[in-house]
Each structure stands twice: as structure tokens, then as C-alpha cells.
Amino acid sequence: MYVVLVDFVIKQEFIKPFNEAMLIQAYTSLEKEEGCTHFDVCQAPDEQHKFFLYECYTDALAFDAHLKSDHFLAFDQLVSDWIEHKEVRCLEKISN
């Protein structure tokens, strides 16, 4: 299992549209990508501008396919100006 962790800091004026777009992105990834097995969207309750994603893919190739998908590319273009900071970590799951 290939795990992707993403931290976002969103510009204050874009919190609501980012949240809406991110939820659509998660749903679409799970529905359209066979290799996407889990996609959680989390938001800090006391810092609404901070988001965290927990994504699981069957392997690194499935994640690469995600990054090349039409829906991801459209999402990335839409939200790129809304992001103050983004950090991505990729890991291999080694236990159940």
C-alpha cells in the first residue's frame, strides 16, 4: 500500500471554495481511480485554513496515474493560487 499525506495551508479568503473543491476531488478520485483505495479530507477545527489529506493507493504507479488524471490536473489548476503552503509525504505501509 502506498500512502500519501498532504498538509495544506490555505489563504483565508479561499477556505470555503477550497473545502468544496477538495471534497469533490476526494470523491472523484475514489470513484474514477481503481488504484485509489482511501481518501480522507481533514480540516483543523481551531485553524480552519489548515487541511490534511490521507490518501492510499495500491502502489506508487496508481498514485502517478492519479497525478496525471484529468480531474486532478483540473483541481490542481483551480486551487493553485489559493494555497499558502503545501507539503507532501509519500510512504509505504508496512503493517496492517
PDB file of N, CA and C in Angstrom:
ATOM      1  N   MET A   1       0.849  -1.181   0.000  1.00  0.00           N
ATOM      2  CA  MET A   1       0.000   0.000   0.000  1.00  0.00           C
ATOM      3  C   MET A   1       0.893   1.242   0.000  1.00  0.00           C
ATOM      4  N   TYR A   2       0.513   2.208  -0.819  1.00  0.00           N
ATOM      5  CA  TYR A   2       1.247   3.460  -0.951  1.00  0.00           C
ATOM      6  C   TYR A   2       0.408   4.560  -0.301  1.00  0.00           C
ATOM      7  N   VAL A   3       0.968   5.238   0.676  1.00  0.00           N
ATOM      8  CA  VAL A   3       0.245   6.244   1.457  1.00  0.00           C
ATOM      9  C   VAL A   3       0.794   7.629   1.137  1.00  0.00           C
ATOM     10  N   VAL A   4      -0.130   8.559   0.912  1.00  0.00           N
ATOM     11  CA  VAL A   4       0.246   9.942   0.617  1.00  0.00           C
ATOM     12  C   VAL A   4      -0.383  10.841   1.678  1.00  0.00           C
ATOM     13  N   LEU A   5       0.442  11.640   2.322  1.00  0.00           N
ATOM     14  CA  LEU A   5      -0.003  12.600   3.336  1.00  0.00           C
ATOM     15  C   LEU A   5       0.255  14.000   2.793  1.00  0.00           C
ATOM     16  N   VAL A   6      -0.770  14.839   2.843  1.00  0.00           N
ATOM     17  CA  VAL A   6      -0.615  16.194   2.310  1.00  0.00           C
ATOM     18  C   VAL A   6      -1.122  17.198   3.339  1.00  0.00           C
ATOM     19  N   ASP A   7      -0.289  18.169   3.664  1.00  0.00           N
ATOM     20  CA  ASP A   7      -0.679  19.290   4.521  1.00  0.00           C
ATOM     21  C   ASP A   7      -0.840  20.522   3.642  1.00  0.00           C
ATOM     22  N   PHE A   8      -1.960  21.208   3.831  1.00  0.00           N
ATOM     23  CA  PHE A   8      -2.225  22.449   3.119  1.00  0.00           C
ATOM     24  C   PHE A   8      -2.447  23.581   4.115  1.00  0.00           C
ATOM     25  N   VAL A   9      -1.941  24.751   3.792  1.00  0.00           N
ATOM     26  CA  VAL A   9      -2.330  25.992   4.453  1.00  0.00           C
ATOM     27  C   VAL A   9      -2.949  26.836   3.345  1.00  0.00           C
ATOM     28  N   ILE A  10      -4.221  27.195   3.538  1.00  0.00           N
ATOM     29  CA  ILE A  10      -4.995  27.880   2.511  1.00  0.00           C
ATOM     30  C   ILE A  10      -5.168  29.346   2.882  1.00  0.00           C
ATOM     31  N   LYS A  11      -5.098  30.211   1.885  1.00  0.00           N
ATOM     32  CA  LYS A  11      -5.345  31.638   2.114  1.00  0.00           C
ATOM     33  C   LYS A  11      -6.764  31.802   2.659  1.00  0.00           C
ATOM     34  N   GLN A  12      -6.886  32.663   3.639  1.00  0.00           N
ATOM     35  CA  GLN A  12      -8.125  32.833   4.396  1.00  0.00           C
ATOM     36  C   GLN A  12      -9.374  32.996   3.509  1.00  0.00           C
ATOM     37  N   GLU A  13      -9.271  33.788   2.467  1.00  0.00           N
ATOM     38  CA  GLU A  13     -10.442  34.080   1.631  1.00  0.00           C
ATOM     39  C   GLU A  13     -10.855  32.902   0.744  1.00  0.00           C
ATOM     40  N   PHE A  14     -10.042  31.842   0.705  1.00  0.00           N
ATOM     41  CA  PHE A  14     -10.343  30.699  -0.160  1.00  0.00           C
ATOM     42  C   PHE A  14     -10.679  29.423   0.613  1.00  0.00           C
ATOM     43  N   ILE A  15     -10.871  29.524   1.919  1.00  0.00           N
ATOM     44  CA  ILE A  15     -11.138  28.329   2.730  1.00  0.00           C
ATOM     45  C   ILE A  15     -12.378  27.581   2.243  1.00  0.00           C
ATOM     46  N   LYS A  16     -13.488  28.272   2.077  1.00  0.00           N
ATOM     47  CA  LYS A  16     -14.731  27.603   1.690  1.00  0.00           C
ATOM     48  C   LYS A  16     -14.642  26.991   0.290  1.00  0.00           C
ATOM     49  N   PRO A  17     -14.201  27.734  -0.745  1.00  0.00           N
ATOM     50  CA  PRO A  17     -14.116  27.101  -2.062  1.00  0.00           C
ATOM     51  C   PRO A  17     -13.091  25.969  -2.121  1.00  0.00           C
ATOM     52  N   PHE A  18     -11.998  26.088  -1.359  1.00  0.00           N
ATOM     53  CA  PHE A  18     -11.021  25.002  -1.329  1.00  0.00           C
ATOM     54  C   PHE A  18     -11.650  23.759  -0.721  1.00  0.00           C
ATOM     55  N   ASN A  19     -12.346  23.924   0.384  1.00  0.00           N
ATOM     56  CA  ASN A  19     -13.003  22.802   1.045  1.00  0.00           C
ATOM     57  C   ASN A  19     -13.954  22.096   0.080  1.00  0.00           C
ATOM     58  N   GLU A  20     -14.769  22.866  -0.612  1.00  0.00           N
ATOM     59  CA  GLU A  20     -15.727  22.292  -1.561  1.00  0.00           C
ATOM     60  C   GLU A  20     -15.016  21.558  -2.698  1.00  0.00           C
ATOM     61  N   ALA A  21     -13.999  22.177  -3.270  1.00  0.00           N
ATOM     62  CA  ALA A  21     -13.255  21.561  -4.369  1.00  0.00           C
ATOM     63  C   ALA A  21     -12.511  20.309  -3.908  1.00  0.00           C
ATOM     64  N   MET A  22     -11.966  20.348  -2.688  1.00  0.00           N
ATOM     65  CA  MET A  22     -11.219  19.213  -2.158  1.00  0.00           C
ATOM     66  C   MET A  22     -12.124  18.009  -1.930  1.00  0.00           C
ATOM     67  N   LEU A  23     -13.336  18.249  -1.420  1.00  0.00           N
ATOM     68  CA  LEU A  23     -14.277  17.143  -1.196  1.00  0.00           C
ATOM     69  C   LEU A  23     -14.693  16.501  -2.517  1.00  0.00           C
ATOM     70  N   ILE A  24     -14.883  17.306  -3.537  1.00  0.00           N
ATOM     71  CA  ILE A  24     -15.204  16.774  -4.865  1.00  0.00           C
ATOM     72  C   ILE A  24     -14.020  15.965  -5.395  1.00  0.00           C
ATOM     73  N   GLN A  25     -12.822  16.482  -5.218  1.00  0.00           N
ATOM     74  CA  GLN A  25     -11.611  15.791  -5.669  1.00  0.00           C
ATOM     75  C   GLN A  25     -11.478  14.430  -4.997  1.00  0.00           C
ATOM     76  N   ALA A  26     -11.704  14.374  -3.701  1.00  0.00           N
ATOM     77  CA  ALA A  26     -11.606  13.099  -2.975  1.00  0.00           C
ATOM     78  C   ALA A  26     -12.630  12.098  -3.506  1.00  0.00           C
ATOM     79  N   TYR A  27     -13.873  12.534  -3.645  1.00  0.00           N
ATOM     80  CA  TYR A  27     -14.940  11.666  -4.136  1.00  0.00           C
ATOM     81  C   TYR A  27     -14.618  11.161  -5.548  1.00  0.00           C
ATOM     82  N   THR A  28     -14.203  12.056  -6.414  1.00  0.00           N
ATOM     83  CA  THR A  28     -13.899  11.693  -7.797  1.00  0.00           C
ATOM     84  C   THR A  28     -12.723  10.729  -7.875  1.00  0.00           C
ATOM     85  N   SER A  29     -11.712  10.947  -7.061  1.00  0.00           N
ATOM     86  CA  SER A  29     -10.558  10.041  -7.048  1.00  0.00           C
ATOM     87  C   SER A  29     -10.980   8.632  -6.667  1.00  0.00           C
ATOM     88  N   LEU A  30     -11.805   8.521  -5.641  1.00  0.00           N
ATOM     89  CA  LEU A  30     -12.274   7.199  -5.207  1.00  0.00           C
ATOM     90  C   LEU A  30     -13.173   6.543  -6.244  1.00  0.00           C
ATOM     91  N   GLU A  31     -13.994   7.325  -6.911  1.00  0.00           N
ATOM     92  CA  GLU A  31     -14.934   6.784  -7.895  1.00  0.00           C
ATOM     93  C   GLU A  31     -14.272   6.406  -9.215  1.00  0.00           C
ATOM     94  N   LYS A  32     -13.316   7.194  -9.671  1.00  0.00           N
ATOM     95  CA  LYS A  32     -12.760   7.014 -11.016  1.00  0.00           C
ATOM     96  C   LYS A  32     -11.428   6.273 -11.060  1.00  0.00           C
ATOM     97  N   GLU A  33     -10.736   6.194  -9.931  1.00  0.00           N
ATOM     98  CA  GLU A  33      -9.397   5.603  -9.936  1.00  0.00           C
ATOM     99  C   GLU A  33      -9.422   4.262  -9.213  1.00  0.00           C
ATOM    100  N   GLU A  34      -9.213   3.212  -9.980  1.00  0.00           N
ATOM    101  CA  GLU A  34      -9.209   1.870  -9.398  1.00  0.00           C
ATOM    102  C   GLU A  34      -8.127   1.722  -8.329  1.00  0.00           C
ATOM    103  N   GLY A  35      -7.000   2.401  -8.519  1.00  0.00           N
ATOM    104  CA  GLY A  35      -5.884   2.280  -7.593  1.00  0.00           C
ATOM    105  C   GLY A  35      -5.977   3.149  -6.359  1.00  0.00           C
ATOM    106  N   CYS A  36      -6.983   4.024  -6.276  1.00  0.00           N
ATOM    107  CA  CYS A  36      -7.183   4.869  -5.094  1.00  0.00           C
ATOM    108  C   CYS A  36      -8.149   4.148  -4.164  1.00  0.00           C
ATOM    109  N   THR A  37      -7.658   3.750  -2.994  1.00  0.00           N
ATOM    110  CA  THR A  37      -8.470   2.938  -2.080  1.00  0.00           C
ATOM    111  C   THR A  37      -8.988   3.705  -0.868  1.00  0.00           C
ATOM    112  N   HIS A  38      -8.424   4.874  -0.610  1.00  0.00           N
ATOM    113  CA  HIS A  38      -8.811   5.642   0.585  1.00  0.00           C
ATOM    114  C   HIS A  38      -8.436   7.101   0.358  1.00  0.00           C
ATOM    115  N   PHE A  39      -9.326   8.013   0.741  1.00  0.00           N
ATOM    116  CA  PHE A  39      -9.028   9.431   0.542  1.00  0.00           C
ATOM    117  C   PHE A  39      -9.789  10.234   1.596  1.00  0.00           C
ATOM    118  N   ASP A  40      -9.124  10.532   2.698  1.00  0.00           N
ATOM    119  CA  ASP A  40      -9.725  11.329   3.775  1.00  0.00           C
ATOM    120  C   ASP A  40      -9.298  12.784   3.656  1.00  0.00           C
ATOM    121  N   VAL A  41     -10.267  13.673   3.840  1.00  0.00           N
ATOM    122  CA  VAL A  41     -10.009  15.113   3.878  1.00  0.00           C
ATOM    123  C   VAL A  41     -10.287  15.574   5.308  1.00  0.00           C
ATOM    124  N   CYS A  42      -9.300  16.189   5.931  1.00  0.00           N
ATOM    125  CA  CYS A  42      -9.438  16.655   7.316  1.00  0.00           C
ATOM    126  C   CYS A  42      -9.158  18.160   7.370  1.00  0.00           C
ATOM    127  N   GLN A  43      -9.845  18.819   8.297  1.00  0.00           N
ATOM    128  CA  GLN A  43      -9.661  20.265   8.490  1.00  0.00           C
ATOM    129  C   GLN A  43      -9.486  20.520   9.980  1.00  0.00           C
ATOM    130  N   ALA A  44      -8.516  21.344  10.332  1.00  0.00           N
ATOM    131  CA  ALA A  44      -8.263  21.662  11.736  1.00  0.00           C
ATOM    132  C   ALA A  44      -9.428  22.490  12.283  1.00  0.00           C
ATOM    133  N   PRO A  45     -10.080  22.027  13.347  1.00  0.00           N
ATOM    134  CA  PRO A  45     -11.250  22.746  13.859  1.00  0.00           C
ATOM    135  C   PRO A  45     -10.935  24.140  14.393  1.00  0.00           C
ATOM    136  N   ASP A  46      -9.735  24.325  14.926  1.00  0.00           N
ATOM    137  CA  ASP A  46      -9.373  25.622  15.504  1.00  0.00           C
ATOM    138  C   ASP A  46      -8.523  26.477  14.564  1.00  0.00           C
ATOM    139  N   GLU A  47      -8.165  25.910  13.426  1.00  0.00           N
ATOM    140  CA  GLU A  47      -7.399  26.644  12.404  1.00  0.00           C
ATOM    141  C   GLU A  47      -7.965  26.234  11.042  1.00  0.00           C
ATOM    142  N   GLN A  48      -9.099  26.812  10.691  1.00  0.00           N
ATOM    143  CA  GLN A  48      -9.872  26.404   9.525  1.00  0.00           C
ATOM    144  C   GLN A  48      -9.100  26.472   8.212  1.00  0.00           C
ATOM    145  N   HIS A  49      -8.002  27.191   8.192  1.00  0.00           N
ATOM    146  CA  HIS A  49      -7.205  27.329   6.967  1.00  0.00           C
ATOM    147  C   HIS A  49      -6.202  26.184   6.772  1.00  0.00           C
ATOM    148  N   LYS A  50      -6.190  25.232   7.717  1.00  0.00           N
ATOM    149  CA  LYS A  50      -5.267  24.103   7.626  1.00  0.00           C
ATOM    150  C   LYS A  50      -6.036  22.826   7.307  1.00  0.00           C
ATOM    151  N   PHE A  51      -5.584  22.152   6.248  1.00  0.00           N
ATOM    152  CA  PHE A  51      -6.195  20.909   5.789  1.00  0.00           C
ATOM    153  C   PHE A  51      -5.138  19.812   5.768  1.00  0.00           C
ATOM    154  N   PHE A  52      -5.606  18.585   5.919  1.00  0.00           N
ATOM    155  CA  PHE A  52      -4.731  17.418   5.882  1.00  0.00           C
ATOM    156  C   PHE A  52      -5.420  16.329   5.064  1.00  0.00           C
ATOM    157  N   LEU A  53      -4.678  15.727   4.150  1.00  0.00           N
ATOM    158  CA  LEU A  53      -5.203  14.620   3.352  1.00  0.00           C
ATOM    159  C   LEU A  53      -4.473  13.338   3.720  1.00  0.00           C
ATOM    160  N   TYR A  54      -5.243  12.259   3.800  1.00  0.00           N
ATOM    161  CA  TYR A  54      -4.695  10.918   3.982  1.00  0.00           C
ATOM    162  C   TYR A  54      -5.215  10.092   2.822  1.00  0.00           C
ATOM    163  N   GLU A  55      -4.318   9.744   1.898  1.00  0.00           N
ATOM    164  CA  GLU A  55      -4.696   9.019   0.692  1.00  0.00           C
ATOM    165  C   GLU A  55      -3.946   7.691   0.635  1.00  0.00           C
ATOM    166  N   CYS A  56      -4.642   6.655   0.169  1.00  0.00           N
ATOM    167  CA  CYS A  56      -3.998   5.351  -0.023  1.00  0.00           C
ATOM    168  C   CYS A  56      -4.213   4.881  -1.450  1.00  0.00           C
ATOM    169  N   TYR A  57      -3.162   4.330  -2.007  1.00  0.00           N
ATOM    170  CA  TYR A  57      -3.162   3.802  -3.366  1.00  0.00           C
ATOM    171  C   TYR A  57      -2.580   2.398  -3.334  1.00  0.00           C
ATOM    172  N   THR A  58      -2.942   1.616  -4.320  1.00  0.00           N
ATOM    173  CA  THR A  58      -2.437   0.243  -4.359  1.00  0.00           C
ATOM    174  C   THR A  58      -0.914   0.207  -4.470  1.00  0.00           C
ATOM    175  N   ASP A  59      -0.345   1.188  -5.178  1.00  0.00           N
ATOM    176  CA  ASP A  59       1.106   1.271  -5.319  1.00  0.00           C
ATOM    177  C   ASP A  59       1.480   2.660  -5.865  1.00  0.00           C
ATOM    178  N   ALA A  60       2.767   2.897  -6.012  1.00  0.00           N
ATOM    179  CA  ALA A  60       3.245   4.201  -6.486  1.00  0.00           C
ATOM    180  C   ALA A  60       2.765   4.491  -7.900  1.00  0.00           C
ATOM    181  N   LEU A  61       2.611   3.471  -8.726  1.00  0.00           N
ATOM    182  CA  LEU A  61       2.119   3.679 -10.089  1.00  0.00           C
ATOM    183  C   LEU A  61       0.685   4.195 -10.086  1.00  0.00           C
ATOM    184  N   ALA A  62      -0.128   3.724  -9.147  1.00  0.00           N
ATOM    185  CA  ALA A  62      -1.506   4.210  -9.034  1.00  0.00           C
ATOM    186  C   ALA A  62      -1.511   5.680  -8.630  1.00  0.00           C
ATOM    187  N   PHE A  63      -0.593   6.074  -7.757  1.00  0.00           N
ATOM    188  CA  PHE A  63      -0.506   7.484  -7.381  1.00  0.00           C
ATOM    189  C   PHE A  63      -0.029   8.332  -8.558  1.00  0.00           C
ATOM    190  N   ASP A  64       0.917   7.821  -9.315  1.00  0.00           N
ATOM    191  CA  ASP A  64       1.370   8.535 -10.518  1.00  0.00           C
ATOM    192  C   ASP A  64       0.216   8.730 -11.497  1.00  0.00           C
ATOM    193  N   ALA A  65      -0.628   7.699 -11.641  1.00  0.00           N
ATOM    194  CA  ALA A  65      -1.798   7.811 -12.519  1.00  0.00           C
ATOM    195  C   ALA A  65      -2.755   8.878 -11.991  1.00  0.00           C
ATOM    196  N   HIS A  66      -2.896   8.960 -10.670  1.00  0.00           N
ATOM    197  CA  HIS A  66      -3.727   9.991 -10.040  1.00  0.00           C
ATOM    198  C   HIS A  66      -3.228  11.379 -10.426  1.00  0.00           C
ATOM    199  N   LEU A  67      -1.922  11.582 -10.335  1.00  0.00           N
ATOM    200  CA  LEU A  67      -1.342  12.891 -10.638  1.00  0.00           C
ATOM    201  C   LEU A  67      -1.508  13.289 -12.101  1.00  0.00           C
ATOM    202  N   LYS A  68      -1.710  12.320 -12.977  1.00  0.00           N
ATOM    203  CA  LYS A  68      -1.873  12.583 -14.406  1.00  0.00           C
ATOM    204  C   LYS A  68      -3.339  12.600 -14.841  1.00  0.00           C
ATOM    205  N   SER A  69      -4.254  12.310 -13.917  1.00  0.00           N
ATOM    206  CA  SER A  69      -5.673  12.242 -14.270  1.00  0.00           C
ATOM    207  C   SER A  69      -6.221  13.632 -14.595  1.00  0.00           C
ATOM    208  N   ASP A  70      -7.202  13.666 -15.476  1.00  0.00           N
ATOM    209  CA  ASP A  70      -7.812  14.940 -15.865  1.00  0.00           C
ATOM    210  C   ASP A  70      -8.406  15.667 -14.667  1.00  0.00           C
ATOM    211  N   HIS A  71      -9.057  14.919 -13.780  1.00  0.00           N
ATOM    212  CA  HIS A  71      -9.706  15.576 -12.634  1.00  0.00           C
ATOM    213  C   HIS A  71      -8.684  16.148 -11.659  1.00  0.00           C
ATOM    214  N   PHE A  72      -7.534  15.471 -11.473  1.00  0.00           N
ATOM    215  CA  PHE A  72      -6.506  16.035 -10.598  1.00  0.00           C
ATOM    216  C   PHE A  72      -5.890  17.277 -11.227  1.00  0.00           C
ATOM    217  N   LEU A  73      -5.572  17.213 -12.513  1.00  0.00           N
ATOM    218  CA  LEU A  73      -4.950  18.360 -13.181  1.00  0.00           C
ATOM    219  C   LEU A  73      -5.863  19.587 -13.152  1.00  0.00           C
ATOM    220  N   ALA A  74      -7.169  19.378 -13.339  1.00  0.00           N
ATOM    221  CA  ALA A  74      -8.128  20.494 -13.271  1.00  0.00           C
ATOM    222  C   ALA A  74      -8.201  21.048 -11.853  1.00  0.00           C
ATOM    223  N   PHE A  75      -8.232  20.158 -10.863  1.00  0.00           N
ATOM    224  CA  PHE A  75      -8.258  20.583  -9.460  1.00  0.00           C
ATOM    225  C   PHE A  75      -6.995  21.373  -9.121  1.00  0.00           C
ATOM    226  N   ASP A  76      -5.853  20.854  -9.497  1.00  0.00           N
ATOM    227  CA  ASP A  76      -4.580  21.496  -9.188  1.00  0.00           C
ATOM    228  C   ASP A  76      -4.513  22.896  -9.781  1.00  0.00           C
ATOM    229  N   GLN A  77      -4.985  23.048 -10.993  1.00  0.00           N
ATOM    230  CA  GLN A  77      -5.000  24.367 -11.636  1.00  0.00           C
ATOM    231  C   GLN A  77      -5.967  25.311 -10.918  1.00  0.00           C
ATOM    232  N   LEU A  78      -7.136  24.801 -10.537  1.00  0.00           N
ATOM    233  CA  LEU A  78      -8.142  25.618  -9.855  1.00  0.00           C
ATOM    234  C   LEU A  78      -7.623  26.172  -8.531  1.00  0.00           C
ATOM    235  N   VAL A  79      -6.985  25.333  -7.711  1.00  0.00           N
ATOM    236  CA  VAL A  79      -6.646  25.733  -6.338  1.00  0.00           C
ATOM    237  C   VAL A  79      -5.237  26.283  -6.169  1.00  0.00           C
ATOM    238  N   SER A  80      -4.415  26.260  -7.185  1.00  0.00           N
ATOM    239  CA  SER A  80      -3.001  26.612  -7.008  1.00  0.00           C
ATOM    240  C   SER A  80      -2.790  28.004  -6.412  1.00  0.00           C
ATOM    241  N   ASP A  81      -3.610  28.971  -6.775  1.00  0.00           N
ATOM    242  CA  ASP A  81      -3.455  30.326  -6.226  1.00  0.00           C
ATOM    243  C   ASP A  81      -4.051  30.470  -4.835  1.00  0.00           C
ATOM    244  N   TRP A  82      -4.775  29.475  -4.373  1.00  0.00           N
ATOM    245  CA  TRP A  82      -5.422  29.527  -3.059  1.00  0.00           C
ATOM    246  C   TRP A  82      -4.510  29.029  -1.941  1.00  0.00           C
ATOM    247  N   ILE A  83      -3.387  28.422  -2.312  1.00  0.00           N
ATOM    248  CA  ILE A  83      -2.524  27.719  -1.361  1.00  0.00           C
ATOM    249  C   ILE A  83      -1.375  28.612  -0.907  1.00  0.00           C
ATOM    250  N   GLU A  84      -1.243  28.748   0.420  1.00  0.00           N
ATOM    251  CA  GLU A  84      -0.082  29.439   1.002  1.00  0.00           C
ATOM    252  C   GLU A  84       1.097  28.493   1.126  1.00  0.00           C
ATOM    253  N   HIS A  85       0.805  27.252   1.520  1.00  0.00           N
ATOM    254  CA  HIS A  85       1.862  26.262   1.746  1.00  0.00           C
ATOM    255  C   HIS A  85       1.290  24.866   1.507  1.00  0.00           C
ATOM    256  N   LYS A  86       2.113  24.002   0.942  1.00  0.00           N
ATOM    257  CA  LYS A  86       1.709  22.616   0.696  1.00  0.00           C
ATOM    258  C   LYS A  86       2.913  21.720   0.929  1.00  0.00           C
ATOM    259  N   GLU A  87       2.704  20.652   1.676  1.00  0.00           N
ATOM    260  CA  GLU A  87       3.769  19.687   1.930  1.00  0.00           C
ATOM    261  C   GLU A  87       3.219  18.285   1.687  1.00  0.00           C
ATOM    262  N   VAL A  88       3.933  17.509   0.873  1.00  0.00           N
ATOM    263  CA  VAL A  88       3.507  16.156   0.513  1.00  0.00           C
ATOM    264  C   VAL A  88       4.550  15.157   1.012  1.00  0.00           C
ATOM    265  N   ARG A  89       4.053  14.103   1.656  1.00  0.00           N
ATOM    266  CA  ARG A  89       4.933  12.999   2.068  1.00  0.00           C
ATOM    267  C   ARG A  89       4.344  11.708   1.509  1.00  0.00           C
ATOM    268  N   CYS A  90       5.221  10.853   0.987  1.00  0.00           N
ATOM    269  CA  CYS A  90       4.801   9.552   0.464  1.00  0.00           C
ATOM    270  C   CYS A  90       5.482   8.466   1.269  1.00  0.00           C
ATOM    271  N   LEU A  91       4.700   7.461   1.641  1.00  0.00           N
ATOM    272  CA  LEU A  91       5.212   6.376   2.465  1.00  0.00           C
ATOM    273  C   LEU A  91       4.705   5.036   1.948  1.00  0.00           C
ATOM    274  N   GLU A  92       5.391   3.995   2.307  1.00  0.00           N
ATOM    275  CA  GLU A  92       4.941   2.626   2.042  1.00  0.00           C
ATOM    276  C   GLU A  92       4.408   2.050   3.348  1.00  0.00           C
ATOM    277  N   LYS A  93       3.192   1.547   3.314  1.00  0.00           N
ATOM    278  CA  LYS A  93       2.618   0.920   4.502  1.00  0.00           C
ATOM    279  C   LYS A  93       3.267  -0.441   4.695  1.00  0.00           C
ATOM    280  N   ILE A  94       3.753  -0.721   5.914  1.00  0.00           N
ATOM    281  CA  ILE A  94       4.469  -1.955   6.164  1.00  0.00           C
ATOM    282  C   ILE A  94       3.766  -2.877   7.162  1.00  0.00           C
ATOM    283  N   SER A  95       2.610  -2.458   7.675  1.00  0.00           N
ATOM    284  CA  SER A  95       1.866  -3.311   8.609  1.00  0.00           C
ATOM    285  C   SER A  95       0.372  -3.113   8.424  1.00  0.00           C
ATOM    286  N   ASN A  96      -0.404  -4.024   8.978  1.00  0.00           N
ATOM    287  CA  ASN A  96      -1.875  -3.892   8.908  1.00  0.00           C
ATOM    288  C   ASN A  96      -2.380  -3.135  10.044  1.00  0.00           C
TER     289      ASN A  96
END
